[in-house]
C-alpha atoms as a PDB file:
ATOM      1  CA  MET A   1      -5.093 -10.950  -2.454  1.00  0.00           C
ATOM      2  CA  GLU A   2      -8.797 -11.265  -3.259  1.00  0.00           C
ATOM      3  CA  LYS A   3     -11.058 -10.820  -0.265  1.00  0.00           C
ATOM      4  CA  ARG A   4     -13.533 -13.572   0.588  1.00  0.00           C
ATOM      5  CA  PHE A   5     -16.492 -11.268   1.264  1.00  0.00           C
ATOM      6  CA  ASP A   6     -17.705  -8.144  -0.496  1.00  0.00           C
ATOM      7  CA  ILE A   7     -19.870  -7.172   2.482  1.00  0.00           C
ATOM      8  CA  LEU A   8     -19.978  -8.099   6.155  1.00  0.00           C
ATOM      9  CA  ALA A   9     -23.388  -6.987   7.440  1.00  0.00           C
ATOM     10  CA  ALA A  10     -23.542  -7.037  11.233  1.00  0.00           C
ATOM     11  CA  GLY A  11     -25.923  -5.811  13.913  1.00  0.00           C
ATOM     12  CA  LEU A  12     -29.703  -6.004  14.106  1.00  0.00           C
ATOM     13  CA  MET A  13     -31.304  -9.374  13.317  1.00  0.00           C
ATOM     14  CA  VAL A  14     -35.041  -9.705  13.963  1.00  0.00           C
ATOM     15  CA  TYR A  15     -37.814 -12.244  13.507  1.00  0.00           C
ATOM     16  CA  ASP A  16     -40.654 -10.159  12.047  1.00  0.00           C
ATOM     17  CA  ILE A  17     -44.340 -10.984  12.517  1.00  0.00           C
ATOM     18  CA  LEU A  18     -46.227  -8.816  10.012  1.00  0.00           C
ATOM     19  CA  VAL A  19     -49.953  -8.247  10.492  1.00  0.00           C
ATOM     20  CA  SER A  20     -52.118  -6.358   7.998  1.00  0.00           C
ATOM     21  CA  PRO A  21     -54.144  -4.230   7.785  1.00  0.00           C
ATOM     22  CA  VAL A  22     -54.391  -2.326  11.060  1.00  0.00           C
ATOM     23  CA  ASP A  23     -55.341   1.295  11.786  1.00  0.00           C
ATOM     24  CA  GLU A  24     -55.785   3.659  14.717  1.00  0.00           C
ATOM     25  CA  ASN A  25     -58.899   1.727  15.813  1.00  0.00           C
ATOM     26  CA  LEU A  26     -56.749  -1.241  16.887  1.00  0.00           C
ATOM     27  CA  PHE A  27     -56.898  -0.335  20.579  1.00  0.00           C
ATOM     28  CA  THR A  28     -60.536   0.799  20.602  1.00  0.00           C
ATOM     29  CA  VAL A  29     -62.095  -2.529  19.599  1.00  0.00           C
ATOM     30  CA  ASP A  30     -61.963  -5.962  21.182  1.00  0.00           C
ATOM     31  CA  THR A  31     -60.817  -7.806  18.052  1.00  0.00           C
ATOM     32  CA  THR A  32     -59.213  -6.675  14.800  1.00  0.00           C
ATOM     33  CA  HIS A  33     -59.672  -9.109  11.926  1.00  0.00           C
ATOM     34  CA  LEU A  34     -56.600  -9.336   9.701  1.00  0.00           C
ATOM     35  CA  ASP A  35     -56.279 -10.018   6.005  1.00  0.00           C
ATOM     36  CA  SER A  36     -52.834 -11.532   6.434  1.00  0.00           C
ATOM     37  CA  ILE A  37     -50.177 -12.557   8.923  1.00  0.00           C
ATOM     38  CA  ALA A  38     -46.658 -13.395   7.800  1.00  0.00           C
ATOM     39  CA  PHE A  39     -43.424 -14.494   9.429  1.00  0.00           C
ATOM     40  CA  LYS A  40     -40.376 -12.871   7.881  1.00  0.00           C
ATOM     41  CA  THR A  41     -36.731 -12.048   8.441  1.00  0.00           C
ATOM     42  CA  GLY A  42     -36.003  -8.517   9.602  1.00  0.00           C
ATOM     43  CA  GLY A  43     -33.483  -6.173  11.177  1.00  0.00           C
ATOM     44  CA  ASP A  44     -31.226  -3.809   9.249  1.00  0.00           C
ATOM     45  CA  ALA A  45     -28.179  -6.093   9.182  1.00  0.00           C
ATOM     46  CA  LEU A  46     -30.060  -9.170   8.015  1.00  0.00           C
ATOM     47  CA  ASN A  47     -32.159  -7.191   5.522  1.00  0.00           C
ATOM     48  CA  VAL A  48     -29.069  -5.600   3.968  1.00  0.00           C
ATOM     49  CA  ALA A  49     -27.293  -8.959   3.896  1.00  0.00           C
ATOM     50  CA  ILE A  50     -30.156 -10.609   2.006  1.00  0.00           C
ATOM     51  CA  ASP A  51     -30.626  -7.673  -0.372  1.00  0.00           C
ATOM     52  CA  ALA A  52     -26.899  -7.681  -1.198  1.00  0.00           C
ATOM     53  CA  ALA A  53     -26.744 -11.467  -1.606  1.00  0.00           C
ATOM     54  CA  ARG A  54     -29.708 -11.389  -4.022  1.00  0.00           C
ATOM     55  CA  LEU A  55     -27.707  -8.910  -6.108  1.00  0.00           C
ATOM     56  CA  GLY A  56     -24.981 -11.533  -6.420  1.00  0.00           C
ATOM     57  CA  VAL A  57     -22.201 -10.353  -4.100  1.00  0.00           C
ATOM     58  CA  LYS A  58     -20.476 -12.401  -1.425  1.00  0.00           C
ATOM     59  CA  VAL A  59     -21.916 -11.650   2.003  1.00  0.00           C
ATOM     60  CA  CYS A  60     -21.162 -12.610   5.597  1.00  0.00           C
ATOM     61  CA  LEU A  61     -23.579 -11.955   8.469  1.00  0.00           C
ATOM     62  CA  GLY A  62     -22.718 -11.042  12.053  1.00  0.00           C
ATOM     63  CA  GLY A  63     -24.974 -10.683  15.088  1.00  0.00           C
ATOM     64  CA  VAL A  64     -26.600 -12.468  18.012  1.00  0.00           C
ATOM     65  CA  VAL A  65     -29.723 -14.671  18.156  1.00  0.00           C
ATOM     66  CA  GLY A  66     -31.247 -16.854  20.836  1.00  0.00           C
ATOM     67  CA  ASP A  67     -31.163 -20.625  21.040  1.00  0.00           C
ATOM     68  CA  ASP A  68     -34.769 -20.866  19.884  1.00  0.00           C
ATOM     69  CA  ALA A  69     -37.007 -21.366  16.848  1.00  0.00           C
ATOM     70  CA  PRO A  70     -36.884 -17.712  15.670  1.00  0.00           C
ATOM     71  CA  GLY A  71     -33.085 -17.741  15.877  1.00  0.00           C
ATOM     72  CA  LYS A  72     -32.806 -20.966  13.913  1.00  0.00           C
ATOM     73  CA  TYR A  73     -35.219 -19.550  11.323  1.00  0.00           C
ATOM     74  CA  LEU A  74     -33.133 -16.388  10.856  1.00  0.00           C
ATOM     75  CA  ILE A  75     -29.939 -18.381  10.337  1.00  0.00           C
ATOM     76  CA  GLU A  76     -31.656 -20.827   7.980  1.00  0.00           C
ATOM     77  CA  GLN A  77     -33.079 -18.022   5.867  1.00  0.00           C
ATOM     78  CA  ALA A  78     -29.717 -16.274   5.680  1.00  0.00           C
ATOM     79  CA  GLU A  79     -27.977 -19.454   4.576  1.00  0.00           C
ATOM     80  CA  ALA A  80     -30.758 -20.179   2.077  1.00  0.00           C
ATOM     81  CA  ALA A  81     -29.992 -16.777   0.532  1.00  0.00           C
ATOM     82  CA  GLY A  82     -26.360 -17.806   0.073  1.00  0.00           C
ATOM     83  CA  ILE A  83     -25.044 -15.850   3.065  1.00  0.00           C
ATOM     84  CA  ASP A  84     -22.211 -17.088   5.278  1.00  0.00           C
ATOM     85  CA  ALA A  85     -23.687 -16.944   8.804  1.00  0.00           C
ATOM     86  CA  SER A  86     -20.514 -17.860  10.655  1.00  0.00           C
ATOM     87  CA  GLY A  87     -20.457 -14.428  12.289  1.00  0.00           C
ATOM     88  CA  VAL A  88     -23.787 -15.066  14.040  1.00  0.00           C
ATOM     89  CA  HIS A  89     -23.461 -16.080  17.678  1.00  0.00           C
ATOM     90  CA  ILE A  90     -26.003 -17.874  19.888  1.00  0.00           C
ATOM     91  CA  SER A  91     -26.962 -16.146  23.136  1.00  0.00           C
ATOM     92  CA  GLU A  92     -26.840 -18.235  26.285  1.00  0.00           C
ATOM     93  CA  LYS A  93     -29.233 -15.957  28.185  1.00  0.00           C
ATOM     94  CA  ASN A  94     -31.668 -14.156  25.861  1.00  0.00           C
ATOM     95  CA  GLN A  95     -34.357 -15.055  23.351  1.00  0.00           C
ATOM     96  CA  SER A  96     -34.002 -13.965  19.732  1.00  0.00           C
ATOM     97  CA  SER A  97     -35.147 -10.444  18.952  1.00  0.00           C
ATOM     98  CA  VAL A  98     -38.710 -10.208  17.619  1.00  0.00           C
ATOM     99  CA  SER A  99     -40.808  -7.408  16.097  1.00  0.00           C
ATOM    100  CA  VAL A 100     -44.547  -7.361  15.635  1.00  0.00           C
ATOM    101  CA  VAL A 101     -44.971  -5.162  12.544  1.00  0.00           C
ATOM    102  CA  LEU A 102     -48.342  -3.433  12.327  1.00  0.00           C
ATOM    103  CA  CYS A 103     -48.977  -2.554   8.666  1.00  0.00           C
ATOM    104  CA  ARG A 104     -51.444   0.218   7.844  1.00  0.00           C
ATOM    105  CA  PRO A 105     -53.563   0.199   4.656  1.00  0.00           C
ATOM    106  CA  ASP A 106     -51.393   3.012   3.192  1.00  0.00           C
ATOM    107  CA  GLY A 107     -48.229   0.918   3.531  1.00  0.00           C
ATOM    108  CA  GLN A 108     -46.864   2.682   6.620  1.00  0.00           C
ATOM    109  CA  ARG A 109     -45.853   0.497   9.557  1.00  0.00           C
ATOM    110  CA  HIS A 110     -45.311   0.563  13.314  1.00  0.00           C
ATOM    111  CA  PHE A 111     -43.194  -1.820  15.379  1.00  0.00           C
ATOM    112  CA  ALA A 112     -43.522  -3.508  18.769  1.00  0.00           C
ATOM    113  CA  TYR A 113     -39.986  -4.723  19.445  1.00  0.00           C
ATOM    114  CA  TYR A 114     -38.158  -7.088  21.832  1.00  0.00           C
ATOM    115  CA  GLY A 115     -34.386  -6.783  21.367  1.00  0.00           C
ATOM    116  CA  LYS A 116     -32.337  -8.276  24.197  1.00  0.00           C
ATOM    117  CA  ALA A 117     -30.312 -10.624  21.973  1.00  0.00           C
ATOM    118  CA  ASN A 118     -29.372  -7.767  19.648  1.00  0.00           C
ATOM    119  CA  ASN A 119     -28.253  -5.715  22.636  1.00  0.00           C
ATOM    120  CA  GLU A 120     -25.560  -8.309  23.327  1.00  0.00           C
ATOM    121  CA  PHE A 121     -23.767  -7.549  20.064  1.00  0.00           C
ATOM    122  CA  ASP A 122     -20.697  -5.447  20.882  1.00  0.00           C
ATOM    123  CA  GLY A 123     -18.471  -6.118  17.876  1.00  0.00           C
ATOM    124  CA  THR A 124     -15.811  -8.098  19.737  1.00  0.00           C
ATOM    125  CA  ALA A 125     -16.809 -11.332  17.994  1.00  0.00           C
ATOM    126  CA  ILE A 126     -15.960  -9.763  14.619  1.00  0.00           C
ATOM    127  CA  THR A 127     -12.342 -10.854  14.362  1.00  0.00           C
ATOM    128  CA  ASP A 128      -9.491  -8.956  12.706  1.00  0.00           C
ATOM    129  CA  GLU A 129      -9.103 -11.943  10.391  1.00  0.00           C
ATOM    130  CA  LEU A 130     -12.703 -11.625   9.222  1.00  0.00           C
ATOM    131  CA  LEU A 131     -12.333  -7.866   8.756  1.00  0.00           C
ATOM    132  CA  SER A 132      -9.194  -8.432   6.662  1.00  0.00           C
ATOM    133  CA  ASP A 133     -11.217 -10.777   4.463  1.00  0.00           C
ATOM    134  CA  THR A 134     -13.989  -8.188   3.896  1.00  0.00           C
ATOM    135  CA  LYS A 135     -14.255  -5.260   1.473  1.00  0.00           C
ATOM    136  CA  LEU A 136     -16.971  -3.388   3.393  1.00  0.00           C
ATOM    137  CA  LEU A 137     -18.299  -3.634   6.952  1.00  0.00           C
ATOM    138  CA  TYR A 138     -21.903  -2.460   7.370  1.00  0.00           C
ATOM    139  CA  ILE A 139     -23.443  -1.971  10.823  1.00  0.00           C
ATOM    140  CA  GLY A 140     -27.240  -2.032  10.794  1.00  0.00           C
ATOM    141  CA  SER A 141     -29.431  -0.117  13.270  1.00  0.00           C
ATOM    142  CA  MET A 142     -27.053   1.833  15.437  1.00  0.00           C
ATOM    143  CA  MET A 143     -29.048   3.328  18.322  1.00  0.00           C
ATOM    144  CA  SER A 144     -30.714  -0.096  18.777  1.00  0.00           C
ATOM    145  CA  LEU A 145     -27.462  -1.911  19.534  1.00  0.00           C
ATOM    146  CA  LYS A 146     -26.689  -1.052  23.147  1.00  0.00           C
ATOM    147  CA  GLY A 147     -23.508  -3.126  23.156  1.00  0.00           C
ATOM    148  CA  LEU A 148     -21.982  -0.941  20.402  1.00  0.00           C
ATOM    149  CA  GLU A 149     -22.867   2.495  21.796  1.00  0.00           C
ATOM    150  CA  TYR A 150     -20.106   5.011  22.482  1.00  0.00           C
ATOM    151  CA  GLY A 151     -16.644   3.389  22.500  1.00  0.00           C
ATOM    152  CA  PRO A 152     -17.232  -0.122  21.100  1.00  0.00           C
ATOM    153  CA  LEU A 153     -18.460   1.124  17.694  1.00  0.00           C
ATOM    154  CA  ALA A 154     -15.415   3.379  17.331  1.00  0.00           C
ATOM    155  CA  GLU A 155     -13.132   0.482  18.289  1.00  0.00           C
ATOM    156  CA  LEU A 156     -14.781  -1.834  15.743  1.00  0.00           C
ATOM    157  CA  PHE A 157     -14.583   0.730  12.942  1.00  0.00           C
ATOM    158  CA  ALA A 158     -10.957   1.546  13.787  1.00  0.00           C
ATOM    159  CA  ARG A 159     -10.095  -2.160  13.566  1.00  0.00           C
ATOM    160  CA  ALA A 160     -11.947  -2.418  10.257  1.00  0.00           C
ATOM    161  CA  LYS A 161     -10.024   0.510   8.778  1.00  0.00           C
ATOM    162  CA  LYS A 162      -6.736  -0.961   9.979  1.00  0.00           C
ATOM    163  CA  ALA A 163      -7.708  -4.233   8.283  1.00  0.00           C
ATOM    164  CA  GLY A 164      -8.365  -2.421   4.996  1.00  0.00           C
ATOM    165  CA  ALA A 165     -12.172  -2.580   5.007  1.00  0.00           C
ATOM    166  CA  LEU A 166     -14.549   0.241   4.155  1.00  0.00           C
ATOM    167  CA  THR A 167     -17.059   1.056   6.891  1.00  0.00           C
ATOM    168  CA  ALA A 168     -20.749   1.949   6.671  1.00  0.00           C
ATOM    169  CA  MET A 169     -23.644   2.176   9.076  1.00  0.00           C
ATOM    170  CA  ASP A 170     -27.305   3.033   9.379  1.00  0.00           C
ATOM    171  CA  ALA A 171     -29.180   4.446  12.350  1.00  0.00           C
ATOM    172  CA  THR A 172     -32.560   4.001  13.965  1.00  0.00           C
ATOM    173  CA  TRP A 173     -34.593   5.806  16.621  1.00  0.00           C
ATOM    174  CA  PRO A 174     -33.074   5.476  20.139  1.00  0.00           C
ATOM    175  CA  SER A 175     -35.462   4.647  22.950  1.00  0.00           C
ATOM    176  CA  ASP A 176     -33.687   7.037  25.344  1.00  0.00           C
ATOM    177  CA  GLY A 177     -33.523  10.045  23.008  1.00  0.00           C
ATOM    178  CA  ILE A 178     -29.707  10.226  23.046  1.00  0.00           C
ATOM    179  CA  TRP A 179     -28.276  10.624  19.538  1.00  0.00           C
ATOM    180  CA  LEU A 180     -24.885  11.980  18.513  1.00  0.00           C
ATOM    181  CA  PRO A 181     -22.915  11.089  21.669  1.00  0.00           C
ATOM    182  CA  LYS A 182     -23.490   7.379  20.999  1.00  0.00           C
ATOM    183  CA  ILE A 183     -21.744   7.421  17.611  1.00  0.00           C
ATOM    184  CA  GLU A 184     -19.607  10.578  17.481  1.00  0.00           C
ATOM    185  CA  ALA A 185     -16.339   8.831  18.343  1.00  0.00           C
ATOM    186  CA  ALA A 186     -16.868   6.402  15.442  1.00  0.00           C
ATOM    187  CA  LEU A 187     -17.593   8.981  12.733  1.00  0.00           C
ATOM    188  CA  PRO A 188     -13.934   9.701  11.854  1.00  0.00           C
ATOM    189  CA  TYR A 189     -13.648   6.007  10.944  1.00  0.00           C
ATOM    190  CA  CYS A 190     -16.940   5.899   8.995  1.00  0.00           C
ATOM    191  CA  ASP A 191     -16.803   5.891   5.197  1.00  0.00           C
ATOM    192  CA  ILE A 192     -20.573   5.803   4.491  1.00  0.00           C
ATOM    193  CA  PHE A 193     -23.472   7.140   6.543  1.00  0.00           C
ATOM    194  CA  VAL A 194     -26.905   7.836   5.017  1.00  0.00           C
ATOM    195  CA  PRO A 195     -29.484   8.106   7.837  1.00  0.00           C
ATOM    196  CA  SER A 196     -33.188   8.739   7.293  1.00  0.00           C
ATOM    197  CA  PHE A 197     -34.460  12.327   7.303  1.00  0.00           C
ATOM    198  CA  ASP A 198     -35.995  12.039  10.778  1.00  0.00           C
ATOM    199  CA  GLU A 199     -32.819  10.491  12.163  1.00  0.00           C
ATOM    200  CA  ALA A 200     -30.593  13.043  10.451  1.00  0.00           C
ATOM    201  CA  LYS A 201     -32.588  15.958  11.914  1.00  0.00           C
ATOM    202  CA  GLU A 202     -31.895  14.695  15.419  1.00  0.00           C
ATOM    203  CA  LEU A 203     -28.256  13.857  14.775  1.00  0.00           C
ATOM    204  CA  CYS A 204     -27.315  17.007  12.878  1.00  0.00           C
ATOM    205  CA  GLY A 205     -29.697  19.660  14.233  1.00  0.00           C
ATOM    206  CA  THR A 206     -30.930  20.759  10.815  1.00  0.00           C
ATOM    207  CA  GLU A 207     -33.526  19.803   8.197  1.00  0.00           C
ATOM    208  CA  ASP A 208     -31.492  21.007   5.213  1.00  0.00           C
ATOM    209  CA  PRO A 209     -29.954  18.044   3.326  1.00  0.00           C
ATOM    210  CA  ARG A 210     -26.845  20.010   2.319  1.00  0.00           C
ATOM    211  CA  GLU A 211     -26.302  21.098   5.895  1.00  0.00           C
ATOM    212  CA  ILE A 212     -26.779  17.503   7.063  1.00  0.00           C
ATOM    213  CA  VAL A 213     -24.078  16.345   4.646  1.00  0.00           C
ATOM    214  CA  ALA A 214     -21.775  19.182   5.707  1.00  0.00           C
ATOM    215  CA  PHE A 215     -22.290  18.352   9.387  1.00  0.00           C
ATOM    216  CA  LEU A 216     -21.497  14.667   8.884  1.00  0.00           C
ATOM    217  CA  HIS A 217     -18.420  15.592   6.853  1.00  0.00           C
ATOM    218  CA  SER A 218     -17.293  17.861   9.687  1.00  0.00           C
ATOM    219  CA  LYS A 219     -17.427  14.851  12.014  1.00  0.00           C
ATOM    220  CA  GLY A 220     -15.274  12.775   9.684  1.00  0.00           C
ATOM    221  CA  VAL A 221     -17.770  10.828   7.520  1.00  0.00           C
ATOM    222  CA  LYS A 222     -16.399  10.352   3.990  1.00  0.00           C
ATOM    223  CA  ILE A 223     -19.629   9.729   1.999  1.00  0.00           C
ATOM    224  CA  ALA A 224     -22.651  11.356   3.645  1.00  0.00           C
ATOM    225  CA  GLY A 225     -26.296  11.666   2.726  1.00  0.00           C
ATOM    226  CA  VAL A 226     -29.874  11.511   3.921  1.00  0.00           C
ATOM    227  CA  LYS A 227     -32.748   9.275   2.858  1.00  0.00           C
ATOM    228  CA  LEU A 228     -35.781  11.453   2.087  1.00  0.00           C
ATOM    229  CA  GLY A 229     -38.537   8.811   1.965  1.00  0.00           C
ATOM    230  CA  LYS A 230     -41.026   9.507  -0.831  1.00  0.00           C
ATOM    231  CA  LYS A 231     -38.782  12.312  -2.117  1.00  0.00           C
ATOM    232  CA  GLY A 232     -35.788  10.049  -2.735  1.00  0.00           C
ATOM    233  CA  VAL A 233     -32.275  10.529  -1.387  1.00  0.00           C
ATOM    234  CA  PHE A 234     -29.678  13.299  -1.142  1.00  0.00           C
ATOM    235  CA  ILE A 235     -26.045  12.134  -1.172  1.00  0.00           C
ATOM    236  CA  GLU A 236     -22.958  14.338  -1.220  1.00  0.00           C
ATOM    237  CA  ASP A 237     -23.953  17.037  -3.742  1.00  0.00           C
ATOM    238  CA  PHE A 238     -26.889  15.536  -5.654  1.00  0.00           C
ATOM    239  CA  GLU A 239     -30.529  14.639  -5.036  1.00  0.00           C
ATOM    240  CA  LEU A 240     -31.948  11.514  -6.657  1.00  0.00           C
ATOM    241  CA  PRO A 241     -35.768  11.464  -6.768  1.00  0.00           C
ATOM    242  CA  ALA A 242     -37.607   8.352  -5.621  1.00  0.00           C
ATOM    243  CA  PHE A 243     -38.389   5.846  -8.345  1.00  0.00           C
ATOM    244  CA  ASN A 244     -42.080   5.810  -9.285  1.00  0.00           C
ATOM    245  CA  CYS A 245     -44.297   3.105  -7.787  1.00  0.00           C
ATOM    246  CA  ASP A 246     -48.049   3.183  -8.446  1.00  0.00           C
ATOM    247  CA  ASN A 247     -48.768   0.298  -6.087  1.00  0.00           C
ATOM    248  CA  VAL A 248     -47.013   0.617  -2.726  1.00  0.00           C
ATOM    249  CA  VAL A 249     -47.797  -2.560  -0.756  1.00  0.00           C
ATOM    250  CA  ASP A 250     -45.508  -2.299   2.296  1.00  0.00           C
ATOM    251  CA  THR A 251     -42.652   0.100   3.104  1.00  0.00           C
ATOM    252  CA  THR A 252     -41.069  -2.265   5.653  1.00  0.00           C
ATOM    253  CA  GLY A 253     -37.359  -2.502   4.856  1.00  0.00           C
ATOM    254  CA  ALA A 254     -37.365   0.198   2.159  1.00  0.00           C
ATOM    255  CA  GLY A 255     -34.483   2.089   3.765  1.00  0.00           C
ATOM    256  CA  ASP A 256     -32.544  -1.126   4.307  1.00  0.00           C
ATOM    257  CA  ALA A 257     -33.136  -2.052   0.665  1.00  0.00           C
ATOM    258  CA  PHE A 258     -31.632   1.238  -0.427  1.00  0.00           C
ATOM    259  CA  MET A 259     -28.587   0.652   1.771  1.00  0.00           C
ATOM    260  CA  GLY A 260     -28.253  -2.931   0.523  1.00  0.00           C
ATOM    261  CA  GLY A 261     -28.087  -1.725  -3.050  1.00  0.00           C
ATOM    262  CA  PHE A 262     -25.931   1.299  -2.251  1.00  0.00           C
ATOM    263  CA  VAL A 263     -23.209  -0.532  -0.318  1.00  0.00           C
ATOM    264  CA  THR A 264     -23.240  -3.297  -2.943  1.00  0.00           C
ATOM    265  CA  GLY A 265     -22.534  -0.655  -5.550  1.00  0.00           C
ATOM    266  CA  ILE A 266     -19.714   0.892  -3.540  1.00  0.00           C
ATOM    267  CA  ALA A 267     -18.178  -2.479  -2.651  1.00  0.00           C
ATOM    268  CA  THR A 268     -18.138  -3.508  -6.316  1.00  0.00           C
ATOM    269  CA  GLY A 269     -16.580  -0.283  -7.592  1.00  0.00           C
ATOM    270  CA  ARG A 270     -19.575   1.729  -8.830  1.00  0.00           C
ATOM    271  CA  SER A 271     -19.627   5.503  -8.544  1.00  0.00           C
ATOM    272  CA  ILE A 272     -21.605   7.134  -5.737  1.00  0.00           C
ATOM    273  CA  TYR A 273     -24.330   8.143  -8.194  1.00  0.00           C
ATOM    274  CA  ASP A 274     -24.587   4.707  -9.806  1.00  0.00           C
ATOM    275  CA  SER A 275     -24.624   3.122  -6.348  1.00  0.00           C
ATOM    276  CA  ALA A 276     -27.523   5.417  -5.403  1.00  0.00           C
ATOM    277  CA  LEU A 277     -29.364   4.320  -8.543  1.00  0.00           C
ATOM    278  CA  LEU A 278     -28.862   0.679  -7.552  1.00  0.00           C
ATOM    279  CA  GLY A 279     -30.054   1.378  -4.004  1.00  0.00           C
ATOM    280  CA  SER A 280     -33.143   3.157  -5.300  1.00  0.00           C
ATOM    281  CA  ALA A 281     -33.961   0.266  -7.624  1.00  0.00           C
ATOM    282  CA  VAL A 282     -33.721  -2.289  -4.810  1.00  0.00           C
ATOM    283  CA  SER A 283     -35.902  -0.075  -2.588  1.00  0.00           C
ATOM    284  CA  ASN A 284     -38.474   0.302  -5.383  1.00  0.00           C
ATOM    285  CA  CYS A 285     -38.725  -3.480  -5.694  1.00  0.00           C
ATOM    286  CA  CYS A 286     -39.002  -3.825  -1.919  1.00  0.00           C
ATOM    287  CA  ILE A 287     -42.125  -1.675  -1.497  1.00  0.00           C
ATOM    288  CA  ARG A 288     -44.047  -3.710  -4.073  1.00  0.00           C
ATOM    289  CA  GLU A 289     -44.183  -6.780  -1.773  1.00  0.00           C
ATOM    290  CA  ILE A 290     -45.084  -7.393   1.869  1.00  0.00           C
ATOM    291  CA  GLY A 291     -42.044  -7.921   4.075  1.00  0.00           C
ATOM    292  CA  ALA A 292     -38.587  -6.400   4.220  1.00  0.00           C
ATOM    293  CA  VAL A 293     -36.908  -8.643   1.628  1.00  0.00           C
ATOM    294  CA  SER A 294     -39.746 -10.444  -0.189  1.00  0.00           C
ATOM    295  CA  GLY A 295     -39.285  -8.217  -3.235  1.00  0.00           C
ATOM    296  CA  ALA A 296     -35.467  -8.145  -3.189  1.00  0.00           C
ATOM    297  CA  PRO A 297     -34.344  -8.294  -6.839  1.00  0.00           C
ATOM    298  CA  ASP A 298     -31.394  -9.937  -8.519  1.00  0.00           C
ATOM    299  CA  MET A 299     -28.996  -7.692 -10.426  1.00  0.00           C
ATOM    300  CA  THR A 300     -30.729  -8.246 -13.767  1.00  0.00           C
ATOM    301  CA  ARG A 301     -34.057  -7.085 -12.333  1.00  0.00           C
ATOM    302  CA  ALA A 302     -32.448  -4.131 -10.552  1.00  0.00           C
ATOM    303  CA  GLU A 303     -30.709  -2.974 -13.738  1.00  0.00           C
ATOM    304  CA  SER A 304     -34.026  -3.253 -15.596  1.00  0.00           C
ATOM    305  CA  VAL A 305     -35.730  -1.052 -12.998  1.00  0.00           C
ATOM    306  CA  ILE A 306     -32.934   1.520 -13.358  1.00  0.00           C
ATOM    307  CA  GLU A 307     -33.415   1.598 -17.125  1.00  0.00           C
ATOM    308  CA  MET A 308     -37.193   2.046 -16.748  1.00  0.00           C
ATOM    309  CA  PHE A 309     -36.556   4.908 -14.310  1.00  0.00           C
ATOM    310  CA  LYS A 310     -34.198   6.574 -16.763  1.00  0.00           C
ATOM    311  CA  ASN A 311     -36.618   6.316 -19.707  1.00  0.00           C
ATOM    312  CA  GLY A 312     -39.723   7.213 -17.679  1.00  0.00           C
ATOM    313  CA  THR A 313     -41.590   3.927 -18.103  1.00  0.00           C
ATOM    314  CA  LEU A 314     -41.468   2.700 -14.494  1.00  0.00           C
ATOM    315  CA  LYS A 315     -45.004   2.257 -13.139  1.00  0.00           C
END
């Protein structure tokens, strides 16, 4: 029986306020004059959902928002992108999660984050019926989802596997400095895990990409890798260099863009390598615009970027 959704992206949903440009002088002067301020969708789960939907696959979104204007905006934007938001629940006690994103002139960014609504998400609202109707479950921003830490993530992934869904997740930096213990029980049920280099160092205790992959395999992960930022990505046994971009505008959401393309590739039957190419193309489009998903391409654009990368004409 055909499944209703290619991807169920669940976890972090954030209302992003992007301000640009700022630098280290921000706290040494009374007033910083900005060139731009923008209100965008954010959070790994929502970013990946939008990136995947733009590529043309069927996507459902799961998470928690407040009963407020930012929450309504996040749901509206998801639905406008063609995403089924029936997995999003409204908190009765917390405001929607918000990030103030401080964008430096070189494209790097820093976040000031309020996340109490996201902390309510514990996976229990993701029903077995929904998991059975999904090809791939992606959890965005583990380490920033307190309700999923330790046992609940393992329970959710075990239910997903029993329902016949692939499982994938991404990490982020924990505020308390605790890493592996929060997710270790879930790793035997995890099909795809490609953390960033800084995250992988903390989780795996090594800076060597091959050793990172070997460590994650030893914990039960089926497809393992590490995002290397400007250097590209290392997955399983190959390194794919970053696609060229002569005009980096904003790196917000670049890692999410890669994951959006990568899990779309896997969910639609592409090889690991071809899925990495698709993820890299989506990420390359992302960093050319301000905001996490402003530059998200459709599949035709993504395939064009891949071809330009292959023939060396990508600028």
